[in-house]
């Protein structure tokens, strides 16, 4: 036996069981599992009384995974802090629909139905470092969904479309409605690149960087762009919206939604306690 294995019971055990797995040319210098790692791992596992993997803890959802859920005062302050910036419409829409960054950047005007008050998620903008941006279908059927809009969100998108129509018509800012009717192409992106190419999406990293910098100045603490989605889901759950309805709106699996957002629903717990309190009121103990 090589001197390097002397006194090592695991190495000694390996030397007794490994010969059938080791190619002859590898010789005595082979390390455990190198020749046939899959087979060796299984056989050694049978010989050890306790699997080393048993001590490994499974990953759990931490506070950093869950993110920050802003309350009504904070979200109002944040929205006002983005007014008159190029991100105002995007931040407003994300905050009150719970859409992902990739989803909102992939929206086209054909996805917006003002009469039905809906937005349809049909594509996303995906980004891999050092690679060009690309359009892709949502990763799951849950992601491909229709979001119902309230009147304020419909008005927001109509105003934004009106700005594009004025640009196409050559009507400068400050000039009132002159009755010119212009229809913009349905395949234009709602949030296009700032260079004027209506079919080129804004860069996700640029959006996130700009958002995080300004949000910190407005709120006095750091949040992620994704926390707009966290906040939206939390508000709905706290208001008693059924879990399956919130999951459908967010494009989430209901079980994942509960795991991710459960820590942020203190108001929901208080509401539940109040309901139980009304039932137990008057009962003797």
Protein backbone atom coordinates (compact mmCIF):
# COMPACT_ATOMS: atom_id res chain seq x y z
CA UNK A 1 0.00 0.00 0.00
CA UNK A 2 1.29 3.50 -0.74
CA UNK A 3 2.53 5.48 2.23
CA UNK A 4 -0.03 8.20 1.53
CA UNK A 5 -2.86 5.75 2.36
CA UNK A 6 -1.32 4.32 5.55
CA UNK A 7 -3.47 4.79 8.64
CA UNK A 8 -6.45 6.02 6.63
CA UNK A 9 -9.34 3.51 7.06
CA UNK A 10 -11.47 5.00 4.28
CA UNK A 11 -8.56 4.91 1.85
CA UNK A 12 -7.79 1.36 2.93
CA UNK A 13 -11.41 0.37 2.31
CA UNK A 14 -11.25 2.01 -1.09
CA UNK A 15 -8.12 0.07 -2.00
CA UNK A 16 -9.90 -3.18 -1.15
CA UNK A 17 -13.00 -2.49 -3.23
CA UNK A 18 -11.81 -0.33 -6.10
CA UNK A 19 -9.66 -2.61 -8.33
CA UNK A 20 -12.60 -3.63 -10.52
CA UNK A 21 -13.32 0.01 -11.29
CA UNK A 22 -9.79 1.24 -12.03
CA UNK A 23 -8.28 1.15 -15.47
CA UNK A 24 -4.89 -0.61 -15.38
CA UNK A 25 -2.99 2.36 -16.74
CA UNK A 26 -4.24 4.64 -13.96
CA UNK A 27 -2.30 2.70 -11.34
CA UNK A 28 -1.87 3.47 -7.68
CA UNK A 29 -2.09 7.25 -8.10
CA UNK A 30 -5.83 7.24 -8.80
CA UNK A 31 -8.03 9.16 -6.36
CA UNK A 32 -11.31 7.87 -5.01
CA UNK A 33 -14.09 8.11 -7.58
CA UNK A 34 -11.99 9.40 -10.46
CA UNK A 35 -12.15 6.28 -12.63
CA UNK A 36 -15.91 5.65 -12.39
CA UNK A 37 -17.33 8.29 -10.03
CA UNK A 38 -20.94 7.20 -10.39
CA UNK A 39 -20.35 3.51 -9.64
CA UNK A 40 -17.80 4.19 -6.94
CA UNK A 41 -20.07 6.62 -5.14
CA UNK A 42 -22.90 4.08 -5.03
CA UNK A 43 -20.76 1.23 -3.74
CA UNK A 44 -18.96 3.31 -1.13
CA UNK A 45 -22.34 4.60 0.03
CA UNK A 46 -23.40 1.04 0.74
CA UNK A 47 -20.30 0.46 2.84
CA UNK A 48 -20.55 3.62 4.95
CA UNK A 49 -23.05 3.46 7.84
CA UNK A 50 -24.23 7.05 7.27
CA UNK A 51 -24.25 8.90 3.95
CA UNK A 52 -22.12 12.08 4.06
CA UNK A 53 -24.92 13.82 2.13
CA UNK A 54 -27.29 13.34 5.07
CA UNK A 55 -25.70 16.25 6.91
CA UNK A 56 -26.26 18.68 4.04
CA UNK A 57 -29.18 21.01 4.66
CA UNK A 58 -31.62 21.60 1.86
CA UNK A 59 -31.81 25.22 0.67
CA UNK A 60 -34.68 27.21 2.13
CA UNK A 61 -36.31 30.47 1.19
CA UNK A 62 -34.50 33.24 3.05
CA UNK A 63 -35.46 36.86 3.57
CA UNK A 64 -33.11 37.86 0.76
CA UNK A 65 -34.96 35.48 -1.58
CA UNK A 66 -38.32 36.84 -0.53
CA UNK A 67 -37.31 40.47 -0.83
CA UNK A 68 -38.98 43.58 0.58
CA UNK A 69 -42.70 44.25 0.46
CA UNK A 70 -43.40 47.99 0.49
CA UNK A 71 -46.46 49.30 2.28
CA UNK A 72 -48.92 51.74 0.73
CA UNK A 73 -47.11 54.83 2.01
CA UNK A 74 -43.77 53.60 0.70
CA UNK A 75 -45.06 52.65 -2.73
CA UNK A 76 -46.80 56.02 -3.09
CA UNK A 77 -43.57 57.77 -2.15
CA UNK A 78 -41.63 55.63 -4.61
CA UNK A 79 -44.01 56.24 -7.50
CA UNK A 80 -43.98 59.99 -6.90
CA UNK A 81 -40.18 59.87 -6.79
CA UNK A 82 -40.14 58.50 -10.35
CA UNK A 83 -42.61 61.05 -11.75
CA UNK A 84 -41.18 63.03 -14.68
CA UNK A 85 -38.53 60.36 -15.32
CA UNK A 86 -38.24 57.94 -18.23
CA UNK A 87 -39.05 55.05 -15.87
CA UNK A 88 -42.28 56.41 -14.41
CA UNK A 89 -44.71 54.49 -16.66
CA UNK A 90 -42.74 51.25 -16.41
CA UNK A 91 -42.41 51.42 -12.61
CA UNK A 92 -46.10 52.30 -12.21
CA UNK A 93 -47.16 49.38 -14.41
CA UNK A 94 -44.87 46.87 -12.69
CA UNK A 95 -45.96 47.98 -9.22
CA UNK A 96 -49.66 47.48 -9.94
CA UNK A 97 -49.55 44.37 -12.13
CA UNK A 98 -46.73 42.38 -10.51
CA UNK A 99 -45.13 41.68 -13.88
CA UNK A 100 -41.55 40.50 -14.11
CA UNK A 101 -38.92 42.76 -15.68
CA UNK A 102 -38.56 40.42 -18.64
CA UNK A 103 -42.31 40.45 -19.20
CA UNK A 104 -42.87 44.19 -19.10
CA UNK A 105 -39.96 44.79 -21.50
CA UNK A 106 -41.48 42.31 -23.96
CA UNK A 107 -44.89 43.99 -24.13
CA UNK A 108 -46.15 45.15 -27.52
CA UNK A 109 -49.14 47.37 -28.23
CA UNK A 110 -50.94 44.36 -29.67
CA UNK A 111 -50.90 42.91 -26.14
CA UNK A 112 -52.94 45.82 -24.80
CA UNK A 113 -56.72 45.79 -25.18
CA UNK A 114 -58.09 49.05 -23.84
CA UNK A 115 -61.73 48.06 -24.38
CA UNK A 116 -61.36 44.78 -22.48
CA UNK A 117 -58.93 46.39 -19.99
CA UNK A 118 -56.37 43.64 -20.34
CA UNK A 119 -52.67 43.06 -20.94
CA UNK A 120 -51.57 39.79 -22.50
CA UNK A 121 -48.14 38.32 -21.66
CA UNK A 122 -46.97 36.63 -24.87
CA UNK A 123 -43.20 37.09 -24.83
CA UNK A 124 -40.29 38.07 -22.62
CA UNK A 125 -36.95 39.79 -23.15
CA UNK A 126 -34.12 37.50 -22.07
CA UNK A 127 -30.54 38.52 -21.46
CA UNK A 128 -27.38 36.47 -21.11
CA UNK A 129 -24.16 38.31 -20.33
CA UNK A 130 -22.07 39.07 -23.42
CA UNK A 131 -24.96 37.99 -25.66
CA UNK A 132 -27.52 40.14 -27.54
CA UNK A 133 -31.01 40.57 -26.13
CA UNK A 134 -33.54 38.08 -27.44
CA UNK A 135 -37.30 37.59 -27.39
CA UNK A 136 -38.59 34.29 -26.04
CA UNK A 137 -41.92 32.77 -25.14
CA UNK A 138 -42.73 32.60 -21.41
CA UNK A 139 -40.98 29.70 -19.72
CA UNK A 140 -44.25 28.07 -18.63
CA UNK A 141 -47.91 28.07 -19.50
CA UNK A 142 -48.55 29.95 -16.26
CA UNK A 143 -46.32 32.73 -17.54
CA UNK A 144 -48.43 33.13 -20.68
CA UNK A 145 -51.42 34.89 -19.16
CA UNK A 146 -53.86 37.79 -19.32
CA UNK A 147 -53.78 40.47 -16.64
CA UNK A 148 -56.90 42.47 -15.86
CA UNK A 149 -56.26 46.22 -15.57
CA UNK A 150 -58.02 48.86 -13.53
CA UNK A 151 -59.08 52.19 -15.03
CA UNK A 152 -55.93 54.00 -13.88
CA UNK A 153 -53.62 51.53 -15.60
CA UNK A 154 -55.70 51.69 -18.78
CA UNK A 155 -55.45 55.49 -18.72
CA UNK A 156 -51.69 55.27 -18.15
CA UNK A 157 -51.18 53.10 -21.22
CA UNK A 158 -53.52 55.18 -23.37
CA UNK A 159 -51.60 58.32 -22.44
CA UNK A 160 -48.31 56.60 -23.29
CA UNK A 161 -49.67 55.44 -26.65
CA UNK A 162 -50.92 58.98 -27.28
CA UNK A 163 -47.37 60.27 -26.85
CA UNK A 164 -46.11 57.86 -29.50
CA UNK A 165 -48.91 58.88 -31.85
CA UNK A 166 -47.95 62.53 -31.45
CA UNK A 167 -44.33 61.70 -32.27
CA UNK A 168 -45.39 59.86 -35.42
CA UNK A 169 -47.66 62.75 -36.42
CA UNK A 170 -44.88 65.26 -35.79
CA UNK A 171 -46.84 67.13 -33.12
CA UNK A 172 -44.43 68.81 -30.69
CA UNK A 173 -44.86 68.77 -26.93
CA UNK A 174 -46.95 71.61 -25.58
CA UNK A 175 -49.30 71.69 -28.54
CA UNK A 176 -52.87 70.74 -27.71
CA UNK A 177 -55.02 68.17 -29.45
CA UNK A 178 -55.29 69.22 -33.09
CA UNK A 179 -57.51 66.33 -34.15
CA UNK A 180 -54.87 64.37 -36.05
CA UNK A 181 -55.61 60.65 -35.98
CA UNK A 182 -52.54 58.43 -36.25
CA UNK A 183 -52.36 54.69 -35.70
CA UNK A 184 -49.06 53.28 -34.53
CA UNK A 185 -48.07 49.73 -35.53
CA UNK A 186 -49.33 47.04 -33.18
CA UNK A 187 -45.95 45.31 -33.15
CA UNK A 188 -44.15 48.28 -31.61
CA UNK A 189 -42.83 47.65 -28.13
CA UNK A 190 -44.53 49.57 -25.34
CA UNK A 191 -41.18 50.17 -23.64
CA UNK A 192 -38.70 50.44 -26.49
CA UNK A 193 -35.03 51.38 -26.53
CA UNK A 194 -34.26 55.09 -26.01
CA UNK A 195 -32.54 55.33 -29.42
CA UNK A 196 -35.95 55.46 -31.10
CA UNK A 197 -36.05 51.94 -32.54
CA UNK A 198 -39.58 50.92 -31.63
CA UNK A 199 -38.81 47.21 -32.04
CA UNK A 200 -35.68 47.19 -29.90
CA UNK A 201 -36.21 46.58 -26.17
CA UNK A 202 -34.65 48.59 -23.39
CA UNK A 203 -31.71 46.82 -21.78
CA UNK A 204 -32.72 44.98 -18.58
CA UNK A 205 -29.49 45.83 -16.74
CA UNK A 206 -29.83 49.53 -17.56
CA UNK A 207 -33.41 49.52 -16.26
CA UNK A 208 -32.43 47.79 -13.03
CA UNK A 209 -29.44 50.05 -12.39
CA UNK A 210 -31.43 53.23 -12.99
CA UNK A 211 -34.29 52.00 -10.82
CA UNK A 212 -32.14 50.91 -7.88
CA UNK A 213 -30.17 54.15 -7.80
CA UNK A 214 -33.21 56.39 -7.78
CA UNK A 215 -35.25 54.16 -5.46
CA UNK A 216 -32.53 54.35 -2.83
CA UNK A 217 -32.53 58.16 -3.01
CA UNK A 218 -36.32 58.29 -2.76
CA UNK A 219 -36.85 55.74 0.01
CA UNK A 220 -33.59 56.02 1.92
CA UNK A 221 -32.90 52.28 1.66
CA UNK A 222 -32.12 49.80 -1.09
CA UNK A 223 -34.71 47.67 -2.86
CA UNK A 224 -34.67 45.54 -5.99
CA UNK A 225 -36.79 46.09 -9.07
CA UNK A 226 -38.21 42.62 -8.36
CA UNK A 227 -39.53 43.95 -5.02
CA UNK A 228 -42.31 45.69 -6.94
CA UNK A 229 -43.57 42.21 -7.79
CA UNK A 230 -43.07 41.03 -4.21
CA UNK A 231 -45.04 44.02 -2.94
CA UNK A 232 -47.89 43.46 -5.40
CA UNK A 233 -48.33 39.82 -4.44
CA UNK A 234 -48.15 40.64 -0.73
CA UNK A 235 -50.76 43.42 -0.95
CA UNK A 236 -53.22 41.13 -2.70
CA UNK A 237 -52.76 38.32 -0.19
CA UNK A 238 -53.05 40.75 2.72
CA UNK A 239 -56.33 42.03 1.30
CA UNK A 240 -57.73 38.51 1.30
CA UNK A 241 -57.47 37.84 -2.43
CA UNK A 242 -57.61 34.04 -2.92
CA UNK A 243 -54.21 32.43 -3.38
CA UNK A 244 -55.10 30.88 -6.74
CA UNK A 245 -56.19 34.29 -8.07
CA UNK A 246 -52.93 35.95 -6.99
CA UNK A 247 -50.91 33.05 -8.41
CA UNK A 248 -52.66 33.34 -11.76
CA UNK A 249 -52.11 37.09 -11.92
CA UNK A 250 -48.41 36.72 -11.15
CA UNK A 251 -47.89 33.67 -13.35
CA UNK A 252 -46.81 31.67 -10.28
CA UNK A 253 -47.45 28.16 -9.04
CA UNK A 254 -49.76 28.51 -6.03
CA UNK A 255 -47.56 26.37 -3.77
CA UNK A 256 -44.47 28.40 -4.66
CA UNK A 257 -46.40 31.60 -4.07
CA UNK A 258 -47.25 30.53 -0.53
CA UNK A 259 -43.65 29.58 0.27
CA UNK A 260 -42.21 32.81 -1.09
CA UNK A 261 -44.76 35.27 0.25
CA UNK A 262 -45.87 33.64 3.51
CA UNK A 263 -43.38 35.63 5.58
CA UNK A 264 -44.77 38.90 4.29
CA UNK A 265 -48.43 38.51 5.14
CA UNK A 266 -48.64 39.79 8.72
CA UNK A 267 -51.80 41.70 7.91
CA UNK A 268 -53.31 38.51 6.59
CA UNK A 269 -52.55 36.84 9.92
CA UNK A 270 -54.17 39.73 11.78
CA UNK A 271 -57.25 39.49 9.57
CA UNK A 272 -57.48 35.76 10.24
CA UNK A 273 -57.18 36.38 13.98
CA UNK A 274 -59.96 38.97 13.81
CA UNK A 275 -62.20 36.50 11.98
CA UNK A 276 -61.61 33.84 14.61
CA UNK A 277 -62.15 36.43 17.33
CA UNK A 278 -65.59 37.22 15.95
CA UNK A 279 -66.46 33.51 16.04
CA UNK A 280 -65.25 32.95 19.60
CA UNK A 281 -66.71 36.15 21.00
CA UNK A 282 -69.23 35.36 23.70
CA UNK A 283 -68.10 31.79 24.18
CA UNK A 284 -67.09 30.81 27.71
CA UNK A 285 -63.71 29.25 28.40
